[in-house]
PDB file of N, CA and C in Angstrom:
ATOM      1  N   MET A   1     165.527 167.877 -13.697  1.00  0.00           N
ATOM      2  CA  MET A   1     166.323 168.118 -12.765  1.00  0.00           C
ATOM      3  C   MET A   1     166.336 167.162 -11.458  1.00  0.00           C
ATOM      4  N   GLY A   2     167.243 167.017 -11.115  1.00  0.00           N
ATOM      5  CA  GLY A   2     167.314 165.844  -9.692  1.00  0.00           C
ATOM      6  C   GLY A   2     167.134 166.736  -8.320  1.00  0.00           C
ATOM      7  N   ASP A   3     166.912 166.372  -7.284  1.00  0.00           N
ATOM      8  CA  ASP A   3     166.987 166.911  -6.135  1.00  0.00           C
ATOM      9  C   ASP A   3     168.368 166.894  -5.564  1.00  0.00           C
ATOM     10  N   TYR A   4     168.807 168.281  -5.592  1.00  0.00           N
ATOM     11  CA  TYR A   4     170.351 168.454  -5.252  1.00  0.00           C
ATOM     12  C   TYR A   4     170.278 168.444  -3.646  1.00  0.00           C
ATOM     13  N   ASN A   5     169.320 168.595  -2.773  1.00  0.00           N
ATOM     14  CA  ASN A   5     169.265 168.626  -1.274  1.00  0.00           C
ATOM     15  C   ASN A   5     169.494 167.313  -0.709  1.00  0.00           C
ATOM     16  N   ARG A   6     169.292 166.388  -1.651  1.00  0.00           N
ATOM     17  CA  ARG A   6     169.515 164.963  -0.836  1.00  0.00           C
ATOM     18  C   ARG A   6     170.859 164.737  -0.468  1.00  0.00           C
ATOM     19  N   SER A   7     170.975 164.090   0.422  1.00  0.00           N
ATOM     20  CA  SER A   7     172.556 163.740   1.092  1.00  0.00           C
ATOM     21  C   SER A   7     172.910 162.424   0.472  1.00  0.00           C
ATOM     22  N   LEU A   8     174.133 162.268   0.335  1.00  0.00           N
ATOM     23  CA  LEU A   8     174.914 161.025   0.112  1.00  0.00           C
ATOM     24  C   LEU A   8     174.934 159.988   0.905  1.00  0.00           C
ATOM     25  N   LYS A   9     174.565 158.796   0.804  1.00  0.00           N
ATOM     26  CA  LYS A   9     174.673 157.743   1.838  1.00  0.00           C
ATOM     27  C   LYS A   9     175.610 156.846   1.342  1.00  0.00           C
ATOM     28  N   GLU A  10     176.268 156.230   2.319  1.00  0.00           N
ATOM     29  CA  GLU A  10     177.412 155.225   2.049  1.00  0.00           C
ATOM     30  C   GLU A  10     176.370 153.864   2.317  1.00  0.00           C
ATOM     31  N   ILE A  11     176.630 152.947   1.382  1.00  0.00           N
ATOM     32  CA  ILE A  11     175.925 151.833   1.594  1.00  0.00           C
ATOM     33  C   ILE A  11     176.792 150.650   1.779  1.00  0.00           C
ATOM     34  N   VAL A  12     176.746 149.871   3.074  1.00  0.00           N
ATOM     35  CA  VAL A  12     177.587 148.955   3.413  1.00  0.00           C
ATOM     36  C   VAL A  12     176.813 147.614   3.171  1.00  0.00           C
ATOM     37  N   ASN A  13     177.123 146.756   2.410  1.00  0.00           N
ATOM     38  CA  ASN A  13     176.364 145.512   2.166  1.00  0.00           C
ATOM     39  C   ASN A  13     177.627 144.623   1.460  1.00  0.00           C
ATOM     40  N   ALA A  14     177.711 143.458   2.376  1.00  0.00           N
ATOM     41  CA  ALA A  14     178.857 142.635   1.916  1.00  0.00           C
ATOM     42  C   ALA A  14     178.312 142.053   0.511  1.00  0.00           C
ATOM     43  N   GLU A  15     177.129 141.621   0.464  1.00  0.00           N
ATOM     44  CA  GLU A  15     176.721 140.959  -0.829  1.00  0.00           C
ATOM     45  C   GLU A  15     176.855 141.878  -2.073  1.00  0.00           C
ATOM     46  N   LEU A  16     176.485 142.966  -1.904  1.00  0.00           N
ATOM     47  CA  LEU A  16     176.713 144.024  -2.769  1.00  0.00           C
ATOM     48  C   LEU A  16     178.287 144.356  -3.281  1.00  0.00           C
ATOM     49  N   GLN A  17     178.863 144.196  -2.198  1.00  0.00           N
ATOM     50  CA  GLN A  17     180.374 144.484  -2.621  1.00  0.00           C
ATOM     51  C   GLN A  17     180.922 143.149  -3.197  1.00  0.00           C
ATOM     52  N   ARG A  18     180.589 142.163  -3.123  1.00  0.00           N
ATOM     53  CA  ARG A  18     181.006 140.868  -3.868  1.00  0.00           C
ATOM     54  C   ARG A  18     180.358 140.917  -5.236  1.00  0.00           C
ATOM     55  N   GLU A  19     179.284 141.173  -5.239  1.00  0.00           N
ATOM     56  CA  GLU A  19     178.627 141.441  -6.828  1.00  0.00           C
ATOM     57  C   GLU A  19     179.446 142.301  -7.559  1.00  0.00           C
ATOM     58  N   LEU A  20     179.817 143.534  -6.825  1.00  0.00           N
ATOM     59  CA  LEU A  20     180.422 144.596  -7.710  1.00  0.00           C
ATOM     60  C   LEU A  20     181.964 143.931  -8.272  1.00  0.00           C
ATOM     61  N   VAL A  21     182.801 143.222  -7.294  1.00  0.00           N
ATOM     62  CA  VAL A  21     184.074 142.846  -7.343  1.00  0.00           C
ATOM     63  C   VAL A  21     183.771 141.799  -8.936  1.00  0.00           C
ATOM     64  N   VAL A  22     182.787 141.019  -8.649  1.00  0.00           N
ATOM     65  CA  VAL A  22     182.473 140.044  -9.843  1.00  0.00           C
ATOM     66  C   VAL A  22     182.217 140.750 -11.160  1.00  0.00           C
ATOM     67  N   LEU A  23     181.464 141.874 -11.089  1.00  0.00           N
ATOM     68  CA  LEU A  23     181.241 142.878 -12.209  1.00  0.00           C
ATOM     69  C   LEU A  23     182.572 143.436 -12.712  1.00  0.00           C
ATOM     70  N   GLU A  24     183.135 143.922 -11.695  1.00  0.00           N
ATOM     71  CA  GLU A  24     184.522 144.610 -12.058  1.00  0.00           C
ATOM     72  C   GLU A  24     185.525 143.443 -12.969  1.00  0.00           C
ATOM     73  N   ASP A  25     185.453 142.202 -12.499  1.00  0.00           N
ATOM     74  CA  ASP A  25     186.262 141.137 -13.006  1.00  0.00           C
ATOM     75  C   ASP A  25     185.958 140.936 -14.421  1.00  0.00           C
ATOM     76  N   GLN A  26     184.719 140.828 -14.447  1.00  0.00           N
ATOM     77  CA  GLN A  26     183.983 140.293 -15.929  1.00  0.00           C
ATOM     78  C   GLN A  26     184.184 141.548 -16.937  1.00  0.00           C
ATOM     79  N   GLU A  27     184.063 142.924 -16.415  1.00  0.00           N
ATOM     80  CA  GLU A  27     184.200 144.179 -17.465  1.00  0.00           C
ATOM     81  C   GLU A  27     185.635 144.528 -17.385  1.00  0.00           C
ATOM     82  N   GLY A  28     186.440 144.036 -16.669  1.00  0.00           N
ATOM     83  CA  GLY A  28     187.860 144.673 -16.680  1.00  0.00           C
ATOM     84  C   GLY A  28     187.903 145.894 -15.895  1.00  0.00           C
ATOM     85  N   GLY A  29     189.080 146.362 -15.328  1.00  0.00           N
ATOM     86  CA  GLY A  29     189.217 147.415 -14.574  1.00  0.00           C
ATOM     87  C   GLY A  29     189.493 148.666 -15.458  1.00  0.00           C
ATOM     88  N   VAL A  30     188.892 149.550 -15.061  1.00  0.00           N
ATOM     89  CA  VAL A  30     189.102 151.066 -15.778  1.00  0.00           C
ATOM     90  C   VAL A  30     189.402 152.057 -14.577  1.00  0.00           C
ATOM     91  N   ASN A  31     190.597 152.676 -14.998  1.00  0.00           N
ATOM     92  CA  ASN A  31     191.130 153.608 -14.218  1.00  0.00           C
ATOM     93  C   ASN A  31     190.957 154.959 -14.887  1.00  0.00           C
ATOM     94  N   CYS A  32     190.416 155.797 -14.179  1.00  0.00           N
ATOM     95  CA  CYS A  32     189.889 157.293 -14.722  1.00  0.00           C
ATOM     96  C   CYS A  32     190.322 158.322 -13.649  1.00  0.00           C
ATOM     97  N   LYS A  33     190.933 159.284 -14.331  1.00  0.00           N
ATOM     98  CA  LYS A  33     191.475 160.542 -13.537  1.00  0.00           C
ATOM     99  C   LYS A  33     190.543 161.945 -14.099  1.00  0.00           C
ATOM    100  N   PHE A  34     190.092 162.353 -13.225  1.00  0.00           N
ATOM    101  CA  PHE A  34     189.148 163.442 -13.488  1.00  0.00           C
ATOM    102  C   PHE A  34     189.423 164.666 -12.484  1.00  0.00           C
ATOM    103  N   GLY A  35     188.772 165.962 -12.760  1.00  0.00           N
ATOM    104  CA  GLY A  35     189.086 167.175 -12.047  1.00  0.00           C
ATOM    105  C   GLY A  35     187.514 167.470 -11.622  1.00  0.00           C
ATOM    106  N   VAL A  36     187.388 168.126 -10.532  1.00  0.00           N
ATOM    107  CA  VAL A  36     186.026 168.522 -10.080  1.00  0.00           C
ATOM    108  C   VAL A  36     186.393 170.003  -9.714  1.00  0.00           C
ATOM    109  N   ILE A  37     185.467 170.964 -10.154  1.00  0.00           N
ATOM    110  CA  ILE A  37     185.478 172.363  -9.721  1.00  0.00           C
ATOM    111  C   ILE A  37     184.156 172.803  -8.807  1.00  0.00           C
ATOM    112  N   TYR A  38     184.472 173.674  -8.227  1.00  0.00           N
ATOM    113  CA  TYR A  38     183.199 174.286  -7.774  1.00  0.00           C
ATOM    114  C   TYR A  38     182.854 175.533  -8.414  1.00  0.00           C
ATOM    115  N   ALA A  39     181.489 175.783  -8.421  1.00  0.00           N
ATOM    116  CA  ALA A  39     180.930 176.914  -9.250  1.00  0.00           C
ATOM    117  C   ALA A  39     179.870 177.485  -8.469  1.00  0.00           C
ATOM    118  N   LEU A  40     179.926 178.823  -8.040  1.00  0.00           N
ATOM    119  CA  LEU A  40     178.541 179.484  -7.609  1.00  0.00           C
ATOM    120  C   LEU A  40     177.685 179.767  -8.779  1.00  0.00           C
ATOM    121  N   LYS A  41     176.511 179.872  -8.188  1.00  0.00           N
ATOM    122  CA  LYS A  41     175.549 180.275  -9.305  1.00  0.00           C
ATOM    123  C   LYS A  41     175.922 181.674 -10.310  1.00  0.00           C
ATOM    124  N   THR A  42     176.571 182.591  -9.523  1.00  0.00           N
ATOM    125  CA  THR A  42     177.057 183.940  -9.973  1.00  0.00           C
ATOM    126  C   THR A  42     178.118 183.714 -11.009  1.00  0.00           C
ATOM    127  N   GLN A  43     178.718 182.650 -10.773  1.00  0.00           N
ATOM    128  CA  GLN A  43     180.088 182.388 -11.681  1.00  0.00           C
ATOM    129  C   GLN A  43     179.835 181.737 -13.230  1.00  0.00           C
ATOM    130  N   HIS A  44     180.148 182.409 -13.924  1.00  0.00           N
ATOM    131  CA  HIS A  44     179.746 182.028 -15.303  1.00  0.00           C
ATOM    132  C   HIS A  44     181.123 181.659 -16.430  1.00  0.00           C
ATOM    133  N   SER A  45     182.237 182.386 -15.740  1.00  0.00           N
ATOM    134  CA  SER A  45     183.365 182.140 -16.727  1.00  0.00           C
ATOM    135  C   SER A  45     184.317 181.027 -15.990  1.00  0.00           C
ATOM    136  N   ASP A  46     185.114 180.605 -17.218  1.00  0.00           N
ATOM    137  CA  ASP A  46     186.185 179.396 -16.352  1.00  0.00           C
ATOM    138  C   ASP A  46     187.084 180.212 -15.497  1.00  0.00           C
ATOM    139  N   MET A  47     187.583 181.475 -15.712  1.00  0.00           N
ATOM    140  CA  MET A  47     188.193 181.972 -14.842  1.00  0.00           C
ATOM    141  C   MET A  47     187.774 182.133 -13.419  1.00  0.00           C
ATOM    142  N   GLN A  48     186.586 182.477 -13.209  1.00  0.00           N
ATOM    143  CA  GLN A  48     185.896 182.679 -11.926  1.00  0.00           C
ATOM    144  C   GLN A  48     185.751 181.370 -11.447  1.00  0.00           C
ATOM    145  N   MET A  49     185.325 180.406 -12.152  1.00  0.00           N
ATOM    146  CA  MET A  49     185.342 178.968 -11.554  1.00  0.00           C
ATOM    147  C   MET A  49     186.647 178.200 -10.872  1.00  0.00           C
ATOM    148  N   PHE A  50     187.402 178.374 -11.938  1.00  0.00           N
ATOM    149  CA  PHE A  50     188.902 177.914 -11.652  1.00  0.00           C
ATOM    150  C   PHE A  50     189.621 178.426 -10.490  1.00  0.00           C
ATOM    151  N   SER A  51     189.116 180.173 -10.043  1.00  0.00           N
ATOM    152  CA  SER A  51     189.582 180.601  -8.877  1.00  0.00           C
ATOM    153  C   SER A  51     189.169 180.258  -7.482  1.00  0.00           C
ATOM    154  N   ASN A  52     188.454 179.591  -7.437  1.00  0.00           N
ATOM    155  CA  ASN A  52     187.622 178.908  -6.334  1.00  0.00           C
ATOM    156  C   ASN A  52     188.782 177.967  -5.660  1.00  0.00           C
ATOM    157  N   GLU A  53     189.161 178.175  -4.291  1.00  0.00           N
ATOM    158  CA  GLU A  53     190.031 177.353  -3.818  1.00  0.00           C
ATOM    159  C   GLU A  53     189.370 176.477  -2.716  1.00  0.00           C
ATOM    160  N   HIS A  54     187.995 176.707  -2.568  1.00  0.00           N
ATOM    161  CA  HIS A  54     187.148 175.669  -1.453  1.00  0.00           C
ATOM    162  C   HIS A  54     185.696 175.962  -2.013  1.00  0.00           C
ATOM    163  N   GLY A  55     185.070 174.832  -1.599  1.00  0.00           N
ATOM    164  CA  GLY A  55     183.728 174.964  -1.953  1.00  0.00           C
ATOM    165  C   GLY A  55     182.694 174.885  -0.806  1.00  0.00           C
ATOM    166  N   ASP A  56     181.607 174.862  -0.770  1.00  0.00           N
ATOM    167  CA  ASP A  56     180.663 174.809   0.603  1.00  0.00           C
ATOM    168  C   ASP A  56     180.843 173.294   1.249  1.00  0.00           C
ATOM    169  N   GLU A  57     180.192 173.187   2.333  1.00  0.00           N
ATOM    170  CA  GLU A  57     180.565 172.132   3.221  1.00  0.00           C
ATOM    171  C   GLU A  57     180.092 170.887   2.437  1.00  0.00           C
ATOM    172  N   ASN A  58     178.707 170.746   1.597  1.00  0.00           N
ATOM    173  CA  ASN A  58     178.506 169.871   0.882  1.00  0.00           C
ATOM    174  C   ASN A  58     179.339 169.151  -0.312  1.00  0.00           C
ATOM    175  N   PHE A  59     179.883 170.311  -0.891  1.00  0.00           N
ATOM    176  CA  PHE A  59     180.998 170.207  -1.895  1.00  0.00           C
ATOM    177  C   PHE A  59     182.115 169.361  -1.433  1.00  0.00           C
ATOM    178  N   GLU A  60     182.546 169.829  -0.103  1.00  0.00           N
ATOM    179  CA  GLU A  60     183.695 169.237   0.666  1.00  0.00           C
ATOM    180  C   GLU A  60     183.634 167.858   0.904  1.00  0.00           C
ATOM    181  N   ARG A  61     182.238 167.378   1.410  1.00  0.00           N
ATOM    182  CA  ARG A  61     181.985 166.169   1.721  1.00  0.00           C
ATOM    183  C   ARG A  61     181.837 165.277   0.452  1.00  0.00           C
ATOM    184  N   PHE A  62     181.321 165.761  -0.637  1.00  0.00           N
ATOM    185  CA  PHE A  62     181.631 165.068  -1.820  1.00  0.00           C
ATOM    186  C   PHE A  62     182.815 164.804  -2.383  1.00  0.00           C
ATOM    187  N   ILE A  63     183.732 165.557  -2.265  1.00  0.00           N
ATOM    188  CA  ILE A  63     185.054 165.507  -2.668  1.00  0.00           C
ATOM    189  C   ILE A  63     185.572 164.428  -1.621  1.00  0.00           C
ATOM    190  N   LYS A  64     185.610 164.436  -0.424  1.00  0.00           N
ATOM    191  CA  LYS A  64     186.142 163.361   0.365  1.00  0.00           C
ATOM    192  C   LYS A  64     185.686 162.113  -0.193  1.00  0.00           C
ATOM    193  N   LEU A  65     184.423 161.679  -0.693  1.00  0.00           N
ATOM    194  CA  LEU A  65     183.667 160.660  -0.981  1.00  0.00           C
ATOM    195  C   LEU A  65     184.822 159.958  -2.318  1.00  0.00           C
ATOM    196  N   LEU A  66     185.013 160.850  -3.072  1.00  0.00           N
ATOM    197  CA  LEU A  66     185.749 160.606  -4.237  1.00  0.00           C
ATOM    198  C   LEU A  66     186.983 160.145  -4.134  1.00  0.00           C
ATOM    199  N   GLY A  67     187.857 160.379  -3.211  1.00  0.00           N
ATOM    200  CA  GLY A  67     188.959 160.087  -3.049  1.00  0.00           C
ATOM    201  C   GLY A  67     190.174 160.834  -2.301  1.00  0.00           C
ATOM    202  N   GLN A  68     191.369 160.669  -2.546  1.00  0.00           N
ATOM    203  CA  GLN A  68     192.383 161.635  -2.185  1.00  0.00           C
ATOM    204  C   GLN A  68     192.500 162.835  -2.854  1.00  0.00           C
ATOM    205  N   ARG A  69     192.492 163.787  -2.287  1.00  0.00           N
ATOM    206  CA  ARG A  69     192.803 165.192  -2.759  1.00  0.00           C
ATOM    207  C   ARG A  69     194.392 165.683  -2.806  1.00  0.00           C
ATOM    208  N   ILE A  70     194.765 166.165  -3.937  1.00  0.00           N
ATOM    209  CA  ILE A  70     196.257 166.120  -4.201  1.00  0.00           C
ATOM    210  C   ILE A  70     196.373 167.643  -4.537  1.00  0.00           C
ATOM    211  N   GLU A  71     197.418 168.081  -4.135  1.00  0.00           N
ATOM    212  CA  GLU A  71     197.734 169.844  -4.402  1.00  0.00           C
ATOM    213  C   GLU A  71     198.609 169.527  -5.807  1.00  0.00           C
ATOM    214  N   LEU A  72     198.066 170.068  -6.512  1.00  0.00           N
ATOM    215  CA  LEU A  72     198.780 170.105  -8.030  1.00  0.00           C
ATOM    216  C   LEU A  72     200.030 170.685  -8.363  1.00  0.00           C
ATOM    217  N   GLN A  73     200.436 171.767  -7.524  1.00  0.00           N
ATOM    218  CA  GLN A  73     201.784 172.484  -7.583  1.00  0.00           C
ATOM    219  C   GLN A  73     202.928 171.579  -7.253  1.00  0.00           C
ATOM    220  N   ASN A  74     203.659 171.437  -8.287  1.00  0.00           N
ATOM    221  CA  ASN A  74     204.754 170.544  -8.115  1.00  0.00           C
ATOM    222  C   ASN A  74     204.462 168.842  -8.184  1.00  0.00           C
ATOM    223  N   TRP A  75     203.262 168.644  -8.524  1.00  0.00           N
ATOM    224  CA  TRP A  75     202.983 167.158  -8.353  1.00  0.00           C
ATOM    225  C   TRP A  75     203.754 166.369  -9.558  1.00  0.00           C
ATOM    226  N   GLY A  76     204.271 165.452  -9.107  1.00  0.00           N
ATOM    227  CA  GLY A  76     205.259 164.536  -9.938  1.00  0.00           C
ATOM    228  C   GLY A  76     204.722 163.464 -10.620  1.00  0.00           C
ATOM    229  N   SER A  77     203.567 163.130 -10.353  1.00  0.00           N
ATOM    230  CA  SER A  77     202.852 162.185 -11.082  1.00  0.00           C
ATOM    231  C   SER A  77     202.199 162.325 -12.264  1.00  0.00           C
ATOM    232  N   TYR A  78     201.189 161.447 -12.718  1.00  0.00           N
ATOM    233  CA  TYR A  78     200.118 161.917 -13.887  1.00  0.00           C
ATOM    234  C   TYR A  78     199.585 163.047 -13.547  1.00  0.00           C
ATOM    235  N   ARG A  79     199.620 163.940 -14.406  1.00  0.00           N
ATOM    236  CA  ARG A  79     198.769 165.311 -14.306  1.00  0.00           C
ATOM    237  C   ARG A  79     197.615 165.561 -15.193  1.00  0.00           C
ATOM    238  N   GLY A  80     197.422 164.429 -16.071  1.00  0.00           N
ATOM    239  CA  GLY A  80     196.232 164.834 -16.945  1.00  0.00           C
ATOM    240  C   GLY A  80     195.926 166.047 -17.794  1.00  0.00           C
ATOM    241  N   GLY A  81     197.304 166.551 -18.165  1.00  0.00           N
ATOM    242  CA  GLY A  81     197.338 167.777 -18.767  1.00  0.00           C
ATOM    243  C   GLY A  81     197.055 169.017 -18.128  1.00  0.00           C
ATOM    244  N   LEU A  82     196.827 168.890 -16.653  1.00  0.00           N
ATOM    245  CA  LEU A  82     196.990 170.107 -15.926  1.00  0.00           C
ATOM    246  C   LEU A  82     198.079 170.805 -15.422  1.00  0.00           C
ATOM    247  N   ASP A  83     197.949 172.092 -15.244  1.00  0.00           N
ATOM    248  CA  ASP A  83     199.023 173.157 -15.093  1.00  0.00           C
ATOM    249  C   ASP A  83     199.474 172.619 -13.610  1.00  0.00           C
ATOM    250  N   THR A  84     200.844 172.155 -13.355  1.00  0.00           N
ATOM    251  CA  THR A  84     201.290 171.835 -12.101  1.00  0.00           C
ATOM    252  C   THR A  84     202.415 172.923 -11.549  1.00  0.00           C
ATOM    253  N   PHE A  85     202.685 173.963 -12.409  1.00  0.00           N
ATOM    254  CA  PHE A  85     203.467 175.248 -11.946  1.00  0.00           C
ATOM    255  C   PHE A  85     202.713 176.303 -11.201  1.00  0.00           C
ATOM    256  N   CYS A  86     201.659 176.762 -11.808  1.00  0.00           N
ATOM    257  CA  CYS A  86     201.106 177.836 -11.347  1.00  0.00           C
ATOM    258  C   CYS A  86     200.385 177.268  -9.989  1.00  0.00           C
ATOM    259  N   THR A  87     200.181 178.332  -8.881  1.00  0.00           N
ATOM    260  CA  THR A  87     199.426 178.277  -7.770  1.00  0.00           C
ATOM    261  C   THR A  87     198.002 178.878  -7.921  1.00  0.00           C
ATOM    262  N   SER A  88     197.774 179.411  -8.933  1.00  0.00           N
ATOM    263  CA  SER A  88     196.218 179.827  -8.950  1.00  0.00           C
ATOM    264  C   SER A  88     195.597 179.163 -10.209  1.00  0.00           C
TER     265      SER A  88
END
């Protein structure tokens, strides 16, 4: 198991960014859509985990690193099979 107490660190390096762009060009772009849920140690069922509306501070920071958070209810774009009608 990894050390979950380590914090994420943004790496700002122009050369690394250039190399990543070259790698992406060689491999071709891949677009992925995925969901992330927060689960407490005491939560064991899907229903419990999907009922969480917020996570702890570390989870929220992680989510911000991933990208834009969207509200699924009434979402009009690609939904990846997720329910866009219910609020819970």
